[in-house]
């Protein structure tokens, strides 16, 4: 009968949201500029910037890449039901620079490793059979080679500077044909 006993355990997701809200509140108050904190009509917003920041970090933690899919999940949370999808997307884009600012500030506080790794991964926009017919991001994206999979792809490439302990120090998104050597100066900018 011991398997029928109820044990009060918080769900993994509940624990994460509580922790993320504490972390985001502190980060927001420490790194958010006063011009954003005290902007006009801020008190009329149905969802605070801190709550939206929690939702965005939760999206990253859950690994959900689709904003539409994540918005459907947000409807489960009390603050998520208050925003319509277009407003949610607009406010998320408005806070993206704040997330970058927080990431850069936290990178300065992390004790750097002696070694860092520069590597890249592809962001293909279409299947390889359509490489030469694709018109999306025409003039910005191009065709590059993925050596690990031995195939050509049309799209972008993300170059990252990562410590051995796994902290991302910086990243740059380029067209697919750009080699890692060409973005080293950009990656090392604002890094110790």
N, C-alpha and C. Protein backbone atom coordinates (compact mmCIF):
# COMPACT_ATOMS: atom_id res chain seq x y z
N UNK A 1 0.80 -1.20 0.00
CA UNK A 1 0.00 0.00 0.00
C UNK A 1 0.85 1.27 0.00
N UNK A 2 2.16 1.13 0.16
CA UNK A 2 2.99 2.33 0.21
C UNK A 2 3.00 3.07 -1.12
N UNK A 3 2.71 2.35 -2.21
CA UNK A 3 2.72 3.02 -3.51
C UNK A 3 1.49 3.92 -3.69
N UNK A 4 0.50 3.83 -2.82
CA UNK A 4 -0.69 4.66 -2.91
C UNK A 4 -0.57 5.95 -2.08
N UNK A 5 0.51 6.06 -1.33
CA UNK A 5 0.66 7.24 -0.49
C UNK A 5 0.96 8.47 -1.35
N UNK A 6 0.40 9.57 -0.96
CA UNK A 6 0.61 10.82 -1.67
C UNK A 6 1.82 11.53 -1.11
N UNK A 7 2.71 11.91 -1.96
CA UNK A 7 3.86 12.70 -1.53
C UNK A 7 3.77 14.05 -2.23
N UNK A 8 3.91 15.10 -1.46
CA UNK A 8 3.80 16.46 -2.02
C UNK A 8 5.12 16.84 -2.66
N UNK A 9 5.15 16.75 -3.99
CA UNK A 9 6.33 17.16 -4.75
C UNK A 9 5.90 18.19 -5.77
N UNK A 10 6.70 19.22 -5.90
CA UNK A 10 6.37 20.21 -6.91
C UNK A 10 6.78 19.67 -8.28
N UNK A 11 6.01 20.00 -9.24
CA UNK A 11 6.29 19.58 -10.60
C UNK A 11 7.55 20.31 -11.08
N UNK A 12 8.30 19.66 -11.96
CA UNK A 12 9.54 20.23 -12.49
C UNK A 12 9.28 21.60 -13.12
N UNK A 13 8.18 21.73 -13.85
CA UNK A 13 7.86 22.99 -14.51
C UNK A 13 7.51 24.07 -13.50
N UNK A 14 6.76 23.72 -12.44
CA UNK A 14 6.43 24.70 -11.41
C UNK A 14 7.68 25.20 -10.71
N UNK A 15 8.57 24.29 -10.41
CA UNK A 15 9.82 24.66 -9.75
C UNK A 15 10.63 25.60 -10.65
N UNK A 16 10.69 25.31 -11.94
CA UNK A 16 11.45 26.15 -12.87
C UNK A 16 10.85 27.54 -12.97
N UNK A 17 9.54 27.65 -13.02
CA UNK A 17 8.91 28.97 -13.16
C UNK A 17 9.16 29.80 -11.90
N UNK A 18 9.07 29.18 -10.73
CA UNK A 18 9.34 29.91 -9.50
C UNK A 18 10.79 30.39 -9.46
N UNK A 19 11.70 29.50 -9.80
CA UNK A 19 13.11 29.88 -9.80
C UNK A 19 13.40 30.95 -10.85
N UNK A 20 12.84 30.76 -12.05
CA UNK A 20 13.07 31.72 -13.11
C UNK A 20 12.52 33.09 -12.76
N UNK A 21 11.37 33.13 -12.09
CA UNK A 21 10.80 34.44 -11.74
C UNK A 21 11.68 35.16 -10.71
N UNK A 22 12.27 34.43 -9.78
CA UNK A 22 13.18 35.06 -8.82
C UNK A 22 14.43 35.57 -9.52
N UNK A 23 14.98 34.75 -10.40
CA UNK A 23 16.19 35.12 -11.12
C UNK A 23 15.93 36.31 -12.03
N UNK A 24 14.82 36.26 -12.77
CA UNK A 24 14.50 37.34 -13.72
C UNK A 24 14.21 38.65 -13.00
N UNK A 25 13.56 38.59 -11.87
CA UNK A 25 13.28 39.80 -11.11
C UNK A 25 14.58 40.49 -10.72
N UNK A 26 15.53 39.71 -10.24
CA UNK A 26 16.82 40.28 -9.85
C UNK A 26 17.57 40.83 -11.06
N UNK A 27 17.61 40.06 -12.15
CA UNK A 27 18.31 40.51 -13.35
C UNK A 27 17.66 41.76 -13.93
N UNK A 28 16.34 41.80 -13.92
CA UNK A 28 15.63 42.96 -14.47
C UNK A 28 15.96 44.21 -13.67
N UNK A 29 15.95 44.10 -12.35
CA UNK A 29 16.24 45.28 -11.53
C UNK A 29 17.71 45.69 -11.59
N UNK A 30 18.61 44.72 -11.79
CA UNK A 30 20.04 45.03 -11.84
C UNK A 30 20.47 45.61 -13.19
N UNK A 31 19.94 45.08 -14.29
CA UNK A 31 20.50 45.41 -15.60
C UNK A 31 19.59 46.21 -16.52
N UNK A 32 18.34 46.30 -16.21
CA UNK A 32 17.41 47.04 -17.08
C UNK A 32 17.63 48.54 -16.89
N UNK A 33 17.80 49.28 -17.98
CA UNK A 33 17.99 50.72 -17.84
C UNK A 33 16.72 51.40 -17.32
N UNK A 34 16.91 52.52 -16.65
CA UNK A 34 15.79 53.26 -16.06
C UNK A 34 14.81 53.75 -17.11
N UNK A 35 15.31 54.02 -18.32
CA UNK A 35 14.40 54.50 -19.38
C UNK A 35 13.34 53.45 -19.72
N UNK A 36 13.67 52.17 -19.60
CA UNK A 36 12.69 51.11 -19.85
C UNK A 36 11.83 50.85 -18.61
N UNK A 37 12.45 50.90 -17.44
CA UNK A 37 11.70 50.64 -16.21
C UNK A 37 10.64 51.69 -15.95
N UNK A 38 10.94 52.94 -16.27
CA UNK A 38 10.03 54.04 -15.95
C UNK A 38 9.44 54.67 -17.21
N UNK A 39 9.18 53.87 -18.21
CA UNK A 39 8.62 54.41 -19.44
C UNK A 39 7.14 54.77 -19.25
N UNK A 40 6.64 55.53 -20.18
CA UNK A 40 5.26 56.01 -20.12
C UNK A 40 4.28 54.84 -20.31
N UNK A 41 3.18 54.84 -19.60
CA UNK A 41 2.10 53.85 -19.68
C UNK A 41 2.54 52.43 -19.29
N UNK A 42 3.63 52.31 -18.56
CA UNK A 42 4.12 51.00 -18.15
C UNK A 42 3.12 50.31 -17.23
N UNK A 43 2.45 51.06 -16.39
CA UNK A 43 1.52 50.47 -15.43
C UNK A 43 0.23 49.99 -16.07
N UNK A 44 -0.03 50.41 -17.31
CA UNK A 44 -1.23 49.96 -18.01
C UNK A 44 -1.06 48.59 -18.66
N UNK A 45 0.18 48.10 -18.72
CA UNK A 45 0.43 46.80 -19.34
C UNK A 45 -0.19 45.69 -18.50
N UNK A 46 -0.82 44.74 -19.17
CA UNK A 46 -1.45 43.63 -18.45
C UNK A 46 -0.43 42.65 -17.91
N UNK A 47 0.71 42.51 -18.60
CA UNK A 47 1.77 41.60 -18.19
C UNK A 47 3.06 42.40 -18.05
N UNK A 48 3.72 42.25 -16.93
CA UNK A 48 4.95 43.02 -16.69
C UNK A 48 6.09 42.49 -17.55
N UNK A 49 7.12 43.32 -17.71
CA UNK A 49 8.31 42.91 -18.45
C UNK A 49 8.99 41.72 -17.78
N UNK A 50 8.99 41.70 -16.47
CA UNK A 50 9.61 40.59 -15.74
C UNK A 50 8.91 39.28 -16.05
N UNK A 51 7.58 39.29 -16.07
CA UNK A 51 6.83 38.08 -16.38
C UNK A 51 7.09 37.62 -17.80
N UNK A 52 7.18 38.57 -18.72
CA UNK A 52 7.47 38.22 -20.10
C UNK A 52 8.88 37.66 -20.24
N UNK A 53 9.81 38.21 -19.48
CA UNK A 53 11.18 37.71 -19.48
C UNK A 53 11.22 36.27 -18.96
N UNK A 54 10.42 35.98 -17.92
CA UNK A 54 10.33 34.62 -17.40
C UNK A 54 9.81 33.67 -18.48
N UNK A 55 8.78 34.09 -19.20
CA UNK A 55 8.23 33.24 -20.25
C UNK A 55 9.24 32.99 -21.37
N UNK A 56 10.01 34.01 -21.74
CA UNK A 56 11.01 33.84 -22.79
C UNK A 56 12.13 32.90 -22.35
N UNK A 57 12.56 33.03 -21.09
CA UNK A 57 13.59 32.11 -20.60
C UNK A 57 13.06 30.69 -20.46
N UNK A 58 11.80 30.57 -20.10
CA UNK A 58 11.18 29.25 -20.03
C UNK A 58 11.11 28.62 -21.42
N UNK A 59 10.83 29.43 -22.43
CA UNK A 59 10.82 28.93 -23.79
C UNK A 59 12.19 28.39 -24.18
N UNK A 60 13.23 29.13 -23.82
CA UNK A 60 14.59 28.68 -24.12
C UNK A 60 14.93 27.41 -23.35
N UNK A 61 14.52 27.33 -22.09
CA UNK A 61 14.82 26.16 -21.28
C UNK A 61 14.10 24.91 -21.78
N UNK A 62 12.86 25.08 -22.22
CA UNK A 62 12.10 23.95 -22.75
C UNK A 62 12.54 23.58 -24.16
N UNK A 63 13.31 24.43 -24.80
CA UNK A 63 13.81 24.14 -26.14
C UNK A 63 12.77 24.28 -27.23
N UNK A 64 11.78 25.14 -27.02
CA UNK A 64 10.72 25.34 -28.01
C UNK A 64 11.16 26.45 -28.95
N UNK A 65 11.26 26.13 -30.23
CA UNK A 65 11.74 27.11 -31.20
C UNK A 65 10.61 27.88 -31.85
N UNK A 66 9.44 27.32 -31.91
CA UNK A 66 8.31 27.97 -32.57
C UNK A 66 7.59 28.90 -31.60
N UNK A 67 7.53 30.18 -31.97
CA UNK A 67 6.86 31.16 -31.12
C UNK A 67 5.36 30.86 -31.03
N UNK A 68 4.77 30.36 -32.12
CA UNK A 68 3.35 30.03 -32.14
C UNK A 68 3.05 28.87 -31.18
N UNK A 69 3.90 27.85 -31.21
CA UNK A 69 3.71 26.70 -30.32
C UNK A 69 3.88 27.12 -28.86
N UNK A 70 4.88 27.96 -28.61
CA UNK A 70 5.10 28.40 -27.23
C UNK A 70 3.94 29.27 -26.75
N UNK A 71 3.37 30.08 -27.64
CA UNK A 71 2.23 30.91 -27.23
C UNK A 71 1.07 30.04 -26.78
N UNK A 72 0.85 28.91 -27.46
CA UNK A 72 -0.22 28.00 -27.04
C UNK A 72 0.05 27.45 -25.64
N UNK A 73 1.30 27.17 -25.34
CA UNK A 73 1.67 26.67 -24.01
C UNK A 73 1.49 27.78 -22.98
N UNK A 74 1.78 29.01 -23.36
CA UNK A 74 1.65 30.15 -22.43
C UNK A 74 0.22 30.34 -21.96
N UNK A 75 -0.74 29.86 -22.72
CA UNK A 75 -2.13 29.99 -22.30
C UNK A 75 -2.42 29.21 -21.02
N UNK A 76 -1.51 28.29 -20.65
CA UNK A 76 -1.67 27.53 -19.41
C UNK A 76 -1.33 28.37 -18.18
N UNK A 77 -0.51 29.43 -18.38
CA UNK A 77 -0.09 30.27 -17.27
C UNK A 77 -1.05 31.44 -17.13
N UNK A 78 -1.26 31.92 -15.90
CA UNK A 78 -2.20 33.04 -15.70
C UNK A 78 -1.83 34.28 -16.50
N UNK A 79 -0.54 34.63 -16.52
CA UNK A 79 -0.16 35.85 -17.24
C UNK A 79 -0.20 35.65 -18.75
N UNK A 80 -0.07 34.40 -19.21
CA UNK A 80 -0.09 34.13 -20.64
C UNK A 80 -1.45 34.33 -21.26
N UNK A 81 -2.52 34.16 -20.48
CA UNK A 81 -3.87 34.32 -21.00
C UNK A 81 -4.22 35.78 -21.23
N UNK A 82 -3.44 36.68 -20.69
CA UNK A 82 -3.77 38.10 -20.78
C UNK A 82 -3.32 38.74 -22.09
N UNK A 83 -2.36 38.13 -22.77
CA UNK A 83 -1.82 38.72 -23.99
C UNK A 83 -2.32 38.00 -25.22
N UNK A 84 -2.68 38.74 -26.24
CA UNK A 84 -2.98 38.11 -27.52
C UNK A 84 -1.67 37.83 -28.23
N UNK A 85 -1.71 36.96 -29.25
CA UNK A 85 -0.48 36.46 -29.85
C UNK A 85 0.36 37.56 -30.49
N UNK A 86 -0.26 38.49 -31.21
CA UNK A 86 0.53 39.54 -31.87
C UNK A 86 1.20 40.44 -30.84
N UNK A 87 0.51 40.76 -29.75
CA UNK A 87 1.10 41.59 -28.70
C UNK A 87 2.24 40.84 -28.01
N UNK A 88 2.03 39.53 -27.77
CA UNK A 88 3.08 38.72 -27.16
C UNK A 88 4.34 38.73 -28.02
N UNK A 89 4.19 38.52 -29.34
CA UNK A 89 5.34 38.52 -30.23
C UNK A 89 6.02 39.89 -30.28
N UNK A 90 5.22 40.95 -30.30
CA UNK A 90 5.77 42.31 -30.35
C UNK A 90 6.56 42.62 -29.09
N UNK A 91 5.99 42.30 -27.94
CA UNK A 91 6.69 42.58 -26.68
C UNK A 91 7.92 41.71 -26.51
N UNK A 92 7.87 40.46 -27.01
CA UNK A 92 9.04 39.58 -26.95
C UNK A 92 10.17 40.15 -27.80
N UNK A 93 9.86 40.67 -28.97
CA UNK A 93 10.88 41.31 -29.81
C UNK A 93 11.44 42.55 -29.13
N UNK A 94 10.59 43.31 -28.44
CA UNK A 94 11.06 44.52 -27.77
C UNK A 94 12.02 44.19 -26.63
N UNK A 95 11.86 43.03 -26.01
CA UNK A 95 12.74 42.65 -24.90
C UNK A 95 13.98 41.88 -25.34
N UNK A 96 14.10 41.58 -26.63
CA UNK A 96 15.25 40.78 -27.07
C UNK A 96 16.57 41.49 -26.81
N UNK A 97 16.60 42.82 -26.93
CA UNK A 97 17.85 43.55 -26.66
C UNK A 97 18.19 43.52 -25.17
N UNK A 98 17.16 43.46 -24.31
CA UNK A 98 17.40 43.37 -22.88
C UNK A 98 18.02 42.01 -22.52
N UNK A 99 17.56 40.96 -23.19
CA UNK A 99 18.14 39.63 -22.97
C UNK A 99 19.61 39.65 -23.37
N UNK A 100 19.93 40.31 -24.50
CA UNK A 100 21.32 40.43 -24.92
C UNK A 100 22.14 41.21 -23.90
N UNK A 101 21.58 42.29 -23.38
CA UNK A 101 22.27 43.11 -22.38
C UNK A 101 22.54 42.30 -21.11
N UNK A 102 21.58 41.52 -20.67
CA UNK A 102 21.76 40.68 -19.48
C UNK A 102 22.81 39.61 -19.74
N UNK A 103 22.78 39.01 -20.95
CA UNK A 103 23.77 37.98 -21.28
C UNK A 103 25.18 38.55 -21.26
N UNK A 104 25.37 39.73 -21.83
CA UNK A 104 26.69 40.34 -21.85
C UNK A 104 27.15 40.72 -20.45
N UNK A 105 26.24 41.20 -19.61
CA UNK A 105 26.61 41.57 -18.24
C UNK A 105 26.98 40.33 -17.43
N UNK A 106 26.25 39.24 -17.63
CA UNK A 106 26.57 38.00 -16.90
C UNK A 106 27.89 37.41 -17.37
N UNK A 107 28.20 37.57 -18.67
CA UNK A 107 29.49 37.08 -19.18
C UNK A 107 30.66 37.79 -18.52
N UNK A 108 30.48 39.06 -18.16
CA UNK A 108 31.55 39.79 -17.50
C UNK A 108 31.76 39.30 -16.07
N UNK A 109 30.69 38.78 -15.44
CA UNK A 109 30.80 38.30 -14.07
C UNK A 109 31.33 36.87 -13.97
N UNK A 110 31.22 36.13 -15.05
CA UNK A 110 31.69 34.73 -15.05
C UNK A 110 33.21 34.73 -15.10
N UNK A 111 33.80 33.89 -14.26
CA UNK A 111 35.26 33.77 -14.32
C UNK A 111 35.62 33.01 -15.60
N UNK A 112 36.37 33.66 -16.48
CA UNK A 112 36.64 33.04 -17.77
C UNK A 112 37.61 31.87 -17.65
N UNK A 113 37.39 30.87 -18.49
CA UNK A 113 38.33 29.76 -18.58
C UNK A 113 39.55 30.22 -19.36
N UNK A 114 40.62 29.47 -19.24
CA UNK A 114 41.81 29.82 -20.00
C UNK A 114 41.63 29.51 -21.47
N UNK A 115 40.79 28.51 -21.77
CA UNK A 115 40.56 28.11 -23.14
C UNK A 115 39.10 28.35 -23.53
N UNK A 116 38.91 28.79 -24.74
CA UNK A 116 37.57 28.92 -25.29
C UNK A 116 37.56 28.23 -26.64
N UNK A 117 36.38 27.86 -27.09
CA UNK A 117 36.23 27.15 -28.35
C UNK A 117 35.41 28.01 -29.30
N UNK A 118 35.88 28.12 -30.52
CA UNK A 118 35.10 28.78 -31.57
C UNK A 118 34.63 27.69 -32.52
N UNK A 119 33.33 27.61 -32.70
CA UNK A 119 32.77 26.62 -33.62
C UNK A 119 31.51 27.20 -34.24
N UNK A 120 31.01 26.54 -35.25
CA UNK A 120 29.82 27.01 -35.93
C UNK A 120 28.89 25.85 -36.24
N UNK A 121 27.64 26.19 -36.49
CA UNK A 121 26.67 25.19 -36.93
C UNK A 121 25.75 25.83 -37.97
N UNK A 122 25.22 25.01 -38.89
CA UNK A 122 24.39 25.56 -39.97
C UNK A 122 22.96 25.82 -39.54
N UNK A 123 22.34 26.81 -40.19
CA UNK A 123 20.91 27.09 -40.06
C UNK A 123 20.31 27.03 -41.47
N UNK A 124 20.02 25.81 -41.95
CA UNK A 124 19.49 25.70 -43.32
C UNK A 124 18.06 26.24 -43.40
N UNK A 125 17.73 26.86 -44.51
CA UNK A 125 16.40 27.41 -44.72
C UNK A 125 15.53 26.52 -45.60
N UNK A 126 16.13 25.56 -46.29
CA UNK A 126 15.36 24.67 -47.15
C UNK A 126 16.11 23.35 -47.31
N UNK A 127 15.48 22.41 -47.96
CA UNK A 127 16.12 21.12 -48.25
C UNK A 127 17.19 21.33 -49.32
N UNK A 128 18.25 20.51 -49.31
CA UNK A 128 19.35 20.71 -50.28
C UNK A 128 18.91 20.69 -51.74
N UNK A 129 17.84 19.97 -52.06
CA UNK A 129 17.40 19.90 -53.45
C UNK A 129 16.92 21.27 -53.95
N UNK A 130 16.56 22.17 -53.03
CA UNK A 130 16.05 23.50 -53.40
C UNK A 130 17.07 24.62 -53.20
N UNK A 131 18.33 24.28 -52.99
CA UNK A 131 19.34 25.29 -52.70
C UNK A 131 19.37 26.42 -53.73
N UNK A 132 19.33 26.09 -55.01
CA UNK A 132 19.49 27.11 -56.04
C UNK A 132 18.18 27.79 -56.42
N UNK A 133 17.03 27.27 -55.94
CA UNK A 133 15.74 27.88 -56.26
C UNK A 133 15.18 28.73 -55.12
N UNK A 134 15.78 28.63 -53.94
CA UNK A 134 15.25 29.34 -52.77
C UNK A 134 15.38 30.85 -52.95
N UNK A 135 14.31 31.56 -52.61
CA UNK A 135 14.32 33.02 -52.74
C UNK A 135 14.16 33.73 -51.40
N UNK A 136 13.91 32.96 -50.34
CA UNK A 136 13.75 33.57 -49.02
C UNK A 136 15.11 34.13 -48.58
N UNK A 137 15.13 35.30 -48.02
CA UNK A 137 16.34 36.02 -47.60
C UNK A 137 17.32 36.17 -48.77
N UNK A 138 16.79 36.41 -49.95
CA UNK A 138 17.62 36.57 -51.13
C UNK A 138 18.57 37.76 -50.94
N UNK A 139 19.84 37.54 -51.16
CA UNK A 139 20.84 38.58 -50.99
C UNK A 139 21.47 38.60 -49.61
N UNK A 140 20.81 37.95 -48.63
CA UNK A 140 21.37 37.89 -47.28
C UNK A 140 21.94 36.51 -47.01
N UNK A 141 21.14 35.47 -47.27
CA UNK A 141 21.60 34.09 -47.08
C UNK A 141 22.27 33.62 -48.36
N UNK A 142 23.10 32.59 -48.23
CA UNK A 142 23.71 32.00 -49.41
C UNK A 142 24.00 30.52 -49.16
N UNK A 143 24.72 29.89 -50.07
CA UNK A 143 24.98 28.45 -50.00
C UNK A 143 26.33 28.21 -49.35
N UNK A 144 26.36 27.29 -48.39
CA UNK A 144 27.59 26.92 -47.70
C UNK A 144 27.69 25.41 -47.60
N UNK A 145 28.84 24.94 -47.13
CA UNK A 145 29.10 23.50 -47.04
C UNK A 145 29.15 23.07 -45.58
N UNK A 146 28.40 22.03 -45.24
CA UNK A 146 28.44 21.44 -43.91
C UNK A 146 29.33 20.21 -43.99
N UNK A 147 30.56 20.31 -43.50
CA UNK A 147 31.54 19.24 -43.65
C UNK A 147 31.17 18.00 -42.85
N UNK A 148 30.55 18.17 -41.68
CA UNK A 148 30.23 16.99 -40.86
C UNK A 148 29.16 16.11 -41.51
N UNK A 149 28.23 16.73 -42.25
CA UNK A 149 27.18 15.95 -42.93
C UNK A 149 27.46 15.76 -44.42
N UNK A 150 28.53 16.38 -44.88
CA UNK A 150 28.96 16.29 -46.27
C UNK A 150 27.86 16.70 -47.25
N UNK A 151 27.27 17.86 -46.99
CA UNK A 151 26.28 18.36 -47.93
C UNK A 151 26.25 19.87 -47.94
N UNK A 152 25.77 20.39 -49.06
CA UNK A 152 25.63 21.82 -49.25
C UNK A 152 24.27 22.24 -48.73
N UNK A 153 24.18 23.44 -48.18
CA UNK A 153 22.91 23.94 -47.66
C UNK A 153 22.78 25.43 -47.96
N UNK A 154 21.53 25.88 -48.04
CA UNK A 154 21.22 27.30 -48.26
C UNK A 154 20.72 27.86 -46.94
N UNK A 155 21.31 28.95 -46.48
CA UNK A 155 20.85 29.55 -45.23
C UNK A 155 21.91 30.38 -44.57
N UNK A 156 22.00 30.21 -43.26
CA UNK A 156 22.93 30.98 -42.43
C UNK A 156 23.82 30.04 -41.63
N UNK A 157 24.81 30.63 -40.98
CA UNK A 157 25.69 29.88 -40.10
C UNK A 157 25.84 30.67 -38.80
N UNK A 158 25.75 29.97 -37.67
CA UNK A 158 25.93 30.60 -36.36
C UNK A 158 27.32 30.24 -35.86
N UNK A 159 28.12 31.25 -35.58
CA UNK A 159 29.47 31.07 -35.04
C UNK A 159 29.42 31.42 -33.56
N UNK A 160 29.97 30.56 -32.71
CA UNK A 160 29.90 30.78 -31.26
C UNK A 160 31.27 30.72 -30.61
N UNK A 161 31.40 31.49 -29.55
CA UNK A 161 32.58 31.47 -28.69
C UNK A 161 32.11 30.89 -27.36
N UNK A 162 32.59 29.70 -27.00
CA UNK A 162 32.08 28.96 -25.84
C UNK A 162 33.25 28.57 -24.95
N UNK A 163 33.05 28.69 -23.62
CA UNK A 163 34.07 28.24 -22.68
C UNK A 163 34.01 26.72 -22.56
N UNK A 164 35.04 26.14 -21.97
CA UNK A 164 35.06 24.68 -21.79
C UNK A 164 33.97 24.23 -20.82
N UNK A 165 33.54 25.13 -19.93
CA UNK A 165 32.48 24.77 -18.99
C UNK A 165 31.09 24.91 -19.62
N UNK A 166 31.01 25.40 -20.88
CA UNK A 166 29.73 25.45 -21.59
C UNK A 166 29.04 26.79 -21.62
N UNK A 167 29.66 27.86 -21.13
CA UNK A 167 29.04 29.19 -21.16
C UNK A 167 29.27 29.83 -22.53
N UNK A 168 28.20 30.32 -23.13
CA UNK A 168 28.32 31.00 -24.42
C UNK A 168 28.74 32.44 -24.15
N UNK A 169 29.91 32.81 -24.64
CA UNK A 169 30.42 34.16 -24.42
C UNK A 169 29.93 35.13 -25.48
N UNK A 170 29.84 34.67 -26.72
CA UNK A 170 29.39 35.54 -27.80
C UNK A 170 28.98 34.68 -28.99
N UNK A 171 28.18 35.26 -29.89
CA UNK A 171 27.80 34.56 -31.11
C UNK A 171 27.55 35.56 -32.22
N UNK A 172 27.71 35.09 -33.45
CA UNK A 172 27.50 35.91 -34.64
C UNK A 172 26.76 35.05 -35.66
N UNK A 173 25.75 35.62 -36.31
CA UNK A 173 25.03 34.93 -37.39
C UNK A 173 25.47 35.54 -38.71
N UNK A 174 25.94 34.68 -39.63
CA UNK A 174 26.45 35.13 -40.92
C UNK A 174 25.81 34.31 -42.05
N UNK A 175 26.02 34.74 -43.30
CA UNK A 175 25.60 33.88 -44.42
C UNK A 175 26.36 32.55 -44.36
N UNK A 176 25.83 31.54 -45.00
CA UNK A 176 26.36 30.18 -44.86
C UNK A 176 27.78 30.00 -45.36
N UNK A 177 28.22 30.82 -46.29
CA UNK A 177 29.53 30.62 -46.89
C UNK A 177 30.68 31.22 -46.08
N UNK A 178 30.39 31.93 -45.00
CA UNK A 178 31.45 32.60 -44.22
C UNK A 178 32.16 31.60 -43.32
N UNK A 179 33.49 31.59 -43.39
CA UNK A 179 34.31 30.68 -42.59
C UNK A 179 34.49 31.23 -41.18
N UNK A 180 34.77 30.34 -40.22
CA UNK A 180 34.96 30.74 -38.82
C UNK A 180 36.08 31.76 -38.64
N UNK A 181 37.13 31.64 -39.43
CA UNK A 181 38.28 32.54 -39.32
C UNK A 181 37.89 34.00 -39.54
N UNK A 182 36.91 34.24 -40.40
CA UNK A 182 36.52 35.60 -40.77
C UNK A 182 35.73 36.32 -39.67
N UNK A 183 35.21 35.60 -38.69
CA UNK A 183 34.39 36.24 -37.64
C UNK A 183 35.07 36.23 -36.28
N UNK A 184 36.33 35.85 -36.21
CA UNK A 184 37.04 35.79 -34.93
C UNK A 184 37.06 37.15 -34.25
N UNK A 185 37.36 38.21 -35.01
CA UNK A 185 37.41 39.56 -34.40
C UNK A 185 36.05 39.96 -33.84
N UNK A 186 34.97 39.65 -34.55
CA UNK A 186 33.63 39.98 -34.07
C UNK A 186 33.29 39.17 -32.82
N UNK A 187 33.71 37.90 -32.77
CA UNK A 187 33.41 37.06 -31.63
C UNK A 187 34.17 37.52 -30.38
N UNK A 188 35.39 37.98 -30.56
CA UNK A 188 36.21 38.38 -29.42
C UNK A 188 35.89 39.78 -28.92
N UNK A 189 35.06 40.50 -29.66
CA UNK A 189 34.64 41.84 -29.24
C UNK A 189 33.81 41.75 -27.97
N UNK A 190 34.09 42.62 -27.01
CA UNK A 190 33.43 42.66 -25.69
C UNK A 190 33.67 41.41 -24.85
N UNK A 191 34.70 40.64 -25.15
CA UNK A 191 35.05 39.47 -24.34
C UNK A 191 36.47 39.64 -23.83
N UNK A 192 36.66 39.15 -22.59
CA UNK A 192 38.01 39.23 -22.05
C UNK A 192 38.82 38.06 -22.55
